[in-house]
Amino acid sequence: MSGCSYTSCCPNCGSEDMKCYSDYKPYDIQDNVCLNCGFYAYTNQGYMSLAELNVARAEEELEPLKELPLQEKV
């Protein structure tokens, strides 16, 4: 198993009861849930539209794409 579990401080209520899980396979992910106030955060996956991807590419001074590359489910 590649992941690890730990507790952390909740950014909402300050409780030390936030349960956290982190893993790096198949890519970096993290899940958090505060057992005191219910705050949660998690890694979400998806794909950008062609327009969104080209905006991000422009910010890195990369040429725009004319079409999206293959986007398969991970």
PDB file of N, CA and C in Angstrom:
ATOM      1  N   MET A   1       0.849  -1.178   0.000  1.00  0.00           N
ATOM      2  CA  MET A   1       0.000   0.000   0.000  1.00  0.00           C
ATOM      3  C   MET A   1       0.892   1.237   0.000  1.00  0.00           C
ATOM      4  N   SER A   2       0.573   2.185  -0.861  1.00  0.00           N
ATOM      5  CA  SER A   2       1.430   3.346  -1.035  1.00  0.00           C
ATOM      6  C   SER A   2       0.980   4.548  -0.214  1.00  0.00           C
ATOM      7  N   GLY A   3      -0.229   4.564   0.302  1.00  0.00           N
ATOM      8  CA  GLY A   3      -0.764   5.735   0.983  1.00  0.00           C
ATOM      9  C   GLY A   3      -0.490   5.758   2.468  1.00  0.00           C
ATOM     10  N   CYS A   4      -0.790   6.912   3.081  1.00  0.00           N
ATOM     11  CA  CYS A   4      -0.645   7.025   4.533  1.00  0.00           C
ATOM     12  C   CYS A   4      -1.797   7.864   5.087  1.00  0.00           C
ATOM     13  N   SER A   5      -2.170   7.557   6.313  1.00  0.00           N
ATOM     14  CA  SER A   5      -3.219   8.282   7.023  1.00  0.00           C
ATOM     15  C   SER A   5      -2.596   9.040   8.186  1.00  0.00           C
ATOM     16  N   TYR A   6      -3.175  10.205   8.497  1.00  0.00           N
ATOM     17  CA  TYR A   6      -2.680  11.013   9.603  1.00  0.00           C
ATOM     18  C   TYR A   6      -3.770  12.002   9.998  1.00  0.00           C
ATOM     19  N   THR A   7      -3.598  12.701  11.091  1.00  0.00           N
ATOM     20  CA  THR A   7      -4.524  13.750  11.493  1.00  0.00           C
ATOM     21  C   THR A   7      -3.832  15.093  11.339  1.00  0.00           C
ATOM     22  N   SER A   8      -4.647  16.138  11.168  1.00  0.00           N
ATOM     23  CA  SER A   8      -4.107  17.476  10.976  1.00  0.00           C
ATOM     24  C   SER A   8      -5.060  18.482  11.593  1.00  0.00           C
ATOM     25  N   CYS A   9      -4.685  19.748  11.534  1.00  0.00           N
ATOM     26  CA  CYS A   9      -5.499  20.831  12.061  1.00  0.00           C
ATOM     27  C   CYS A   9      -6.485  21.300  10.981  1.00  0.00           C
ATOM     28  N   CYS A  10      -7.746  21.376  11.327  1.00  0.00           N
ATOM     29  CA  CYS A  10      -8.783  21.817  10.391  1.00  0.00           C
ATOM     30  C   CYS A  10      -8.644  23.317  10.121  1.00  0.00           C
ATOM     31  N   PRO A  11      -8.628  23.734   8.847  1.00  0.00           N
ATOM     32  CA  PRO A  11      -8.527  25.164   8.539  1.00  0.00           C
ATOM     33  C   PRO A  11      -9.800  25.944   8.866  1.00  0.00           C
ATOM     34  N   ASN A  12     -10.915  25.238   9.078  1.00  0.00           N
ATOM     35  CA  ASN A  12     -12.174  25.912   9.385  1.00  0.00           C
ATOM     36  C   ASN A  12     -12.335  26.149  10.883  1.00  0.00           C
ATOM     37  N   CYS A  13     -12.233  25.084  11.690  1.00  0.00           N
ATOM     38  CA  CYS A  13     -12.533  25.209  13.120  1.00  0.00           C
ATOM     39  C   CYS A  13     -11.308  25.090  14.019  1.00  0.00           C
ATOM     40  N   GLY A  14     -10.161  24.714  13.467  1.00  0.00           N
ATOM     41  CA  GLY A  14      -8.938  24.604  14.266  1.00  0.00           C
ATOM     42  C   GLY A  14      -8.802  23.305  15.030  1.00  0.00           C
ATOM     43  N   SER A  15      -9.784  22.423  14.920  1.00  0.00           N
ATOM     44  CA  SER A  15      -9.738  21.139  15.616  1.00  0.00           C
ATOM     45  C   SER A  15      -8.585  20.279  15.084  1.00  0.00           C
ATOM     46  N   GLU A  16      -8.018  19.493  15.954  1.00  0.00           N
ATOM     47  CA  GLU A  16      -6.962  18.556  15.554  1.00  0.00           C
ATOM     48  C   GLU A  16      -7.556  17.222  15.095  1.00  0.00           C
ATOM     49  N   ASP A  17      -8.877  17.172  14.918  1.00  0.00           N
ATOM     50  CA  ASP A  17      -9.568  15.930  14.552  1.00  0.00           C
ATOM     51  C   ASP A  17      -9.792  15.781  13.051  1.00  0.00           C
ATOM     52  N   MET A  18      -9.019  16.479  12.214  1.00  0.00           N
ATOM     53  CA  MET A  18      -9.180  16.313  10.777  1.00  0.00           C
ATOM     54  C   MET A  18      -8.400  15.085  10.327  1.00  0.00           C
ATOM     55  N   LYS A  19      -9.137  14.103   9.813  1.00  0.00           N
ATOM     56  CA  LYS A  19      -8.529  12.867   9.314  1.00  0.00           C
ATOM     57  C   LYS A  19      -8.062  13.097   7.888  1.00  0.00           C
ATOM     58  N   CYS A  20      -6.842  12.696   7.592  1.00  0.00           N
ATOM     59  CA  CYS A  20      -6.257  12.939   6.277  1.00  0.00           C
ATOM     60  C   CYS A  20      -5.712  11.639   5.702  1.00  0.00           C
ATOM     61  N   TYR A  21      -5.784  11.520   4.397  1.00  0.00           N
ATOM     62  CA  TYR A  21      -5.203  10.387   3.682  1.00  0.00           C
ATOM     63  C   TYR A  21      -4.498  10.933   2.450  1.00  0.00           C
ATOM     64  N   SER A  22      -3.291  10.467   2.221  1.00  0.00           N
ATOM     65  CA  SER A  22      -2.503  10.911   1.082  1.00  0.00           C
ATOM     66  C   SER A  22      -1.944   9.691   0.365  1.00  0.00           C
ATOM     67  N   ASP A  23      -1.883   9.760  -0.955  1.00  0.00           N
ATOM     68  CA  ASP A  23      -1.337   8.668  -1.759  1.00  0.00           C
ATOM     69  C   ASP A  23      -0.666   9.267  -2.984  1.00  0.00           C
ATOM     70  N   TYR A  24       0.217   8.526  -3.614  1.00  0.00           N
ATOM     71  CA  TYR A  24       0.894   9.022  -4.813  1.00  0.00           C
ATOM     72  C   TYR A  24       0.686   8.129  -6.017  1.00  0.00           C
ATOM     73  N   LYS A  25      -0.127   7.077  -5.879  1.00  0.00           N
ATOM     74  CA  LYS A  25      -0.392   6.188  -7.006  1.00  0.00           C
ATOM     75  C   LYS A  25      -1.874   6.214  -7.330  1.00  0.00           C
ATOM     76  N   PRO A  26      -2.308   6.363  -8.507  1.00  0.00           N
ATOM     77  CA  PRO A  26      -1.538   6.486  -9.738  1.00  0.00           C
ATOM     78  C   PRO A  26      -1.012   7.898  -9.960  1.00  0.00           C
ATOM     79  N   TYR A  27      -1.419   8.885  -9.111  1.00  0.00           N
ATOM     80  CA  TYR A  27      -0.909  10.248  -9.109  1.00  0.00           C
ATOM     81  C   TYR A  27      -1.177  10.811  -7.722  1.00  0.00           C
ATOM     82  N   ASP A  28      -0.641  11.976  -7.407  1.00  0.00           N
ATOM     83  CA  ASP A  28      -0.807  12.546  -6.068  1.00  0.00           C
ATOM     84  C   ASP A  28      -2.275  12.845  -5.779  1.00  0.00           C
ATOM     85  N   ILE A  29      -2.778  12.282  -4.665  1.00  0.00           N
ATOM     86  CA  ILE A  29      -4.147  12.548  -4.227  1.00  0.00           C
ATOM     87  C   ILE A  29      -4.151  12.809  -2.727  1.00  0.00           C
ATOM     88  N   GLN A  30      -5.176  13.508  -2.259  1.00  0.00           N
ATOM     89  CA  GLN A  30      -5.320  13.739  -0.833  1.00  0.00           C
ATOM     90  C   GLN A  30      -6.802  13.882  -0.501  1.00  0.00           C
ATOM     91  N   ASP A  31      -7.208  13.277   0.605  1.00  0.00           N
ATOM     92  CA  ASP A  31      -8.576  13.381   1.115  1.00  0.00           C
ATOM     93  C   ASP A  31      -8.499  13.841   2.565  1.00  0.00           C
ATOM     94  N   ASN A  32      -9.381  14.771   2.953  1.00  0.00           N
ATOM     95  CA  ASN A  32      -9.415  15.299   4.316  1.00  0.00           C
ATOM     96  C   ASN A  32     -10.860  15.422   4.765  1.00  0.00           C
ATOM     97  N   VAL A  33     -11.124  15.084   6.023  1.00  0.00           N
ATOM     98  CA  VAL A  33     -12.449  15.307   6.591  1.00  0.00           C
ATOM     99  C   VAL A  33     -12.292  15.627   8.077  1.00  0.00           C
ATOM    100  N   CYS A  34     -12.922  16.732   8.507  1.00  0.00           N
ATOM    101  CA  CYS A  34     -12.884  17.120   9.910  1.00  0.00           C
ATOM    102  C   CYS A  34     -14.059  16.465  10.627  1.00  0.00           C
ATOM    103  N   LEU A  35     -13.766  15.710  11.652  1.00  0.00           N
ATOM    104  CA  LEU A  35     -14.808  15.034  12.417  1.00  0.00           C
ATOM    105  C   LEU A  35     -15.460  15.960  13.440  1.00  0.00           C
ATOM    106  N   ASN A  36     -14.985  17.201  13.524  1.00  0.00           N
ATOM    107  CA  ASN A  36     -15.559  18.173  14.448  1.00  0.00           C
ATOM    108  C   ASN A  36     -16.612  19.047  13.758  1.00  0.00           C
ATOM    109  N   CYS A  37     -16.274  19.657  12.602  1.00  0.00           N
ATOM    110  CA  CYS A  37     -17.212  20.588  11.954  1.00  0.00           C
ATOM    111  C   CYS A  37     -17.741  20.100  10.611  1.00  0.00           C
ATOM    112  N   GLY A  38     -17.163  19.022  10.066  1.00  0.00           N
ATOM    113  CA  GLY A  38     -17.644  18.477   8.803  1.00  0.00           C
ATOM    114  C   GLY A  38     -16.954  19.016   7.569  1.00  0.00           C
ATOM    115  N   PHE A  39     -15.974  19.901   7.728  1.00  0.00           N
ATOM    116  CA  PHE A  39     -15.215  20.393   6.579  1.00  0.00           C
ATOM    117  C   PHE A  39     -14.576  19.207   5.860  1.00  0.00           C
ATOM    118  N   TYR A  40     -14.583  19.250   4.530  1.00  0.00           N
ATOM    119  CA  TYR A  40     -13.883  18.215   3.779  1.00  0.00           C
ATOM    120  C   TYR A  40     -13.221  18.820   2.554  1.00  0.00           C
ATOM    121  N   ALA A  41     -12.179  18.166   2.081  1.00  0.00           N
ATOM    122  CA  ALA A  41     -11.479  18.553   0.857  1.00  0.00           C
ATOM    123  C   ALA A  41     -10.911  17.277   0.265  1.00  0.00           C
ATOM    124  N   TYR A  42     -10.906  17.214  -1.051  1.00  0.00           N
ATOM    125  CA  TYR A  42     -10.396  16.011  -1.696  1.00  0.00           C
ATOM    126  C   TYR A  42      -9.884  16.329  -3.088  1.00  0.00           C
ATOM    127  N   THR A  43      -9.023  15.476  -3.586  1.00  0.00           N
ATOM    128  CA  THR A  43      -8.529  15.608  -4.944  1.00  0.00           C
ATOM    129  C   THR A  43      -9.656  15.239  -5.890  1.00  0.00           C
ATOM    130  N   ASN A  44      -9.880  16.089  -6.867  1.00  0.00           N
ATOM    131  CA  ASN A  44     -10.920  15.856  -7.862  1.00  0.00           C
ATOM    132  C   ASN A  44     -10.247  15.790  -9.222  1.00  0.00           C
ATOM    133  N   GLN A  45     -10.675  14.896 -10.057  1.00  0.00           N
ATOM    134  CA  GLN A  45     -10.050  14.774 -11.369  1.00  0.00           C
ATOM    135  C   GLN A  45     -11.029  15.085 -12.474  1.00  0.00           C
ATOM    136  N   GLY A  46     -10.497  15.490 -13.597  1.00  0.00           N
ATOM    137  CA  GLY A  46     -11.308  15.800 -14.764  1.00  0.00           C
ATOM    138  C   GLY A  46     -10.409  16.291 -15.874  1.00  0.00           C
ATOM    139  N   TYR A  47     -11.001  16.763 -16.936  1.00  0.00           N
ATOM    140  CA  TYR A  47     -10.255  17.292 -18.068  1.00  0.00           C
ATOM    141  C   TYR A  47     -10.744  18.694 -18.397  1.00  0.00           C
ATOM    142  N   MET A  48      -9.823  19.548 -18.827  1.00  0.00           N
ATOM    143  CA  MET A  48     -10.153  20.898 -19.261  1.00  0.00           C
ATOM    144  C   MET A  48     -10.736  20.846 -20.666  1.00  0.00           C
ATOM    145  N   SER A  49     -11.523  21.851 -20.982  1.00  0.00           N
ATOM    146  CA  SER A  49     -11.968  22.019 -22.369  1.00  0.00           C
ATOM    147  C   SER A  49     -10.773  22.516 -23.180  1.00  0.00           C
ATOM    148  N   LEU A  50     -10.904  22.508 -24.488  1.00  0.00           N
ATOM    149  CA  LEU A  50      -9.832  23.007 -25.345  1.00  0.00           C
ATOM    150  C   LEU A  50      -9.531  24.474 -25.021  1.00  0.00           C
ATOM    151  N   ALA A  51     -10.558  25.279 -24.828  1.00  0.00           N
ATOM    152  CA  ALA A  51     -10.359  26.703 -24.511  1.00  0.00           C
ATOM    153  C   ALA A  51      -9.618  26.867 -23.186  1.00  0.00           C
ATOM    154  N   GLU A  52     -10.037  26.128 -22.154  1.00  0.00           N
ATOM    155  CA  GLU A  52      -9.377  26.218 -20.849  1.00  0.00           C
ATOM    156  C   GLU A  52      -7.917  25.778 -20.937  1.00  0.00           C
ATOM    157  N   LEU A  53      -7.682  24.688 -21.658  1.00  0.00           N
ATOM    158  CA  LEU A  53      -6.322  24.172 -21.811  1.00  0.00           C
ATOM    159  C   LEU A  53      -5.440  25.186 -22.527  1.00  0.00           C
ATOM    160  N   ASN A  54      -5.972  25.830 -23.562  1.00  0.00           N
ATOM    161  CA  ASN A  54      -5.179  26.816 -24.292  1.00  0.00           C
ATOM    162  C   ASN A  54      -4.896  28.064 -23.465  1.00  0.00           C
ATOM    163  N   VAL A  55      -5.801  28.452 -22.585  1.00  0.00           N
ATOM    164  CA  VAL A  55      -5.524  29.566 -21.669  1.00  0.00           C
ATOM    165  C   VAL A  55      -4.364  29.191 -20.739  1.00  0.00           C
ATOM    166  N   ALA A  56      -4.414  27.979 -20.179  1.00  0.00           N
ATOM    167  CA  ALA A  56      -3.333  27.514 -19.295  1.00  0.00           C
ATOM    168  C   ALA A  56      -2.014  27.415 -20.053  1.00  0.00           C
ATOM    169  N   ARG A  57      -2.058  26.941 -21.292  1.00  0.00           N
ATOM    170  CA  ARG A  57      -0.848  26.837 -22.113  1.00  0.00           C
ATOM    171  C   ARG A  57      -0.282  28.222 -22.426  1.00  0.00           C
ATOM    172  N   ALA A  58      -1.150  29.193 -22.703  1.00  0.00           N
ATOM    173  CA  ALA A  58      -0.705  30.556 -23.003  1.00  0.00           C
ATOM    174  C   ALA A  58       0.015  31.166 -21.799  1.00  0.00           C
ATOM    175  N   GLU A  59      -0.472  30.884 -20.596  1.00  0.00           N
ATOM    176  CA  GLU A  59       0.170  31.389 -19.382  1.00  0.00           C
ATOM    177  C   GLU A  59       1.596  30.853 -19.224  1.00  0.00           C
ATOM    178  N   GLU A  60       1.866  29.689 -19.830  1.00  0.00           N
ATOM    179  CA  GLU A  60       3.205  29.087 -19.785  1.00  0.00           C
ATOM    180  C   GLU A  60       3.969  29.329 -21.092  1.00  0.00           C
ATOM    181  N   GLU A  61       3.431  30.224 -21.923  1.00  0.00           N
ATOM    182  CA  GLU A  61       4.021  30.582 -23.206  1.00  0.00           C
ATOM    183  C   GLU A  61       4.193  29.377 -24.133  1.00  0.00           C
ATOM    184  N   LEU A  62       3.187  28.491 -24.124  1.00  0.00           N
ATOM    185  CA  LEU A  62       3.149  27.341 -25.024  1.00  0.00           C
ATOM    186  C   LEU A  62       2.170  27.631 -26.157  1.00  0.00           C
ATOM    187  N   GLU A  63       2.418  27.045 -27.297  1.00  0.00           N
ATOM    188  CA  GLU A  63       1.542  27.220 -28.453  1.00  0.00           C
ATOM    189  C   GLU A  63       0.169  26.617 -28.163  1.00  0.00           C
ATOM    190  N   PRO A  64      -0.908  27.244 -28.657  1.00  0.00           N
ATOM    191  CA  PRO A  64      -2.241  26.676 -28.462  1.00  0.00           C
ATOM    192  C   PRO A  64      -2.411  25.395 -29.283  1.00  0.00           C
ATOM    193  N   LEU A  65      -3.279  24.531 -28.776  1.00  0.00           N
ATOM    194  CA  LEU A  65      -3.616  23.305 -29.501  1.00  0.00           C
ATOM    195  C   LEU A  65      -4.811  23.575 -30.397  1.00  0.00           C
ATOM    196  N   LYS A  66      -4.892  22.877 -31.518  1.00  0.00           N
ATOM    197  CA  LYS A  66      -6.033  23.016 -32.425  1.00  0.00           C
ATOM    198  C   LYS A  66      -7.150  22.046 -32.061  1.00  0.00           C
ATOM    199  N   GLU A  67      -6.769  20.943 -31.393  1.00  0.00           N
ATOM    200  CA  GLU A  67      -7.763  19.974 -30.926  1.00  0.00           C
ATOM    201  C   GLU A  67      -7.225  19.322 -29.662  1.00  0.00           C
ATOM    202  N   LEU A  68      -8.158  18.779 -28.886  1.00  0.00           N
ATOM    203  CA  LEU A  68      -7.770  18.106 -27.647  1.00  0.00           C
ATOM    204  C   LEU A  68      -7.067  16.779 -27.937  1.00  0.00           C
ATOM    205  N   PRO A  69      -6.038  16.449 -27.173  1.00  0.00           N
ATOM    206  CA  PRO A  69      -5.463  15.123 -27.272  1.00  0.00           C
ATOM    207  C   PRO A  69      -6.445  14.097 -26.688  1.00  0.00           C
ATOM    208  N   LEU A  70      -6.170  12.841 -26.897  1.00  0.00           N
ATOM    209  CA  LEU A  70      -7.020  11.777 -26.349  1.00  0.00           C
ATOM    210  C   LEU A  70      -7.139  11.936 -24.830  1.00  0.00           C
ATOM    211  N   GLN A  71      -8.346  11.902 -24.323  1.00  0.00           N
ATOM    212  CA  GLN A  71      -8.589  12.021 -22.879  1.00  0.00           C
ATOM    213  C   GLN A  71      -9.334  10.774 -22.432  1.00  0.00           C
ATOM    214  N   GLU A  72      -8.579   9.834 -21.875  1.00  0.00           N
ATOM    215  CA  GLU A  72      -9.157   8.594 -21.392  1.00  0.00           C
ATOM    216  C   GLU A  72      -9.419   8.684 -19.895  1.00  0.00           C
ATOM    217  N   LYS A  73     -10.366   7.939 -19.419  1.00  0.00           N
ATOM    218  CA  LYS A  73     -10.618   7.892 -17.992  1.00  0.00           C
ATOM    219  C   LYS A  73      -9.410   7.300 -17.270  1.00  0.00           C
ATOM    220  N   VAL A  74      -9.070   7.920 -16.146  1.00  0.00           N
ATOM    221  CA  VAL A  74      -7.948   7.419 -15.335  1.00  0.00           C
ATOM    222  C   VAL A  74      -8.480   6.387 -14.377  1.00  0.00           C
TER     223      VAL A  74
END
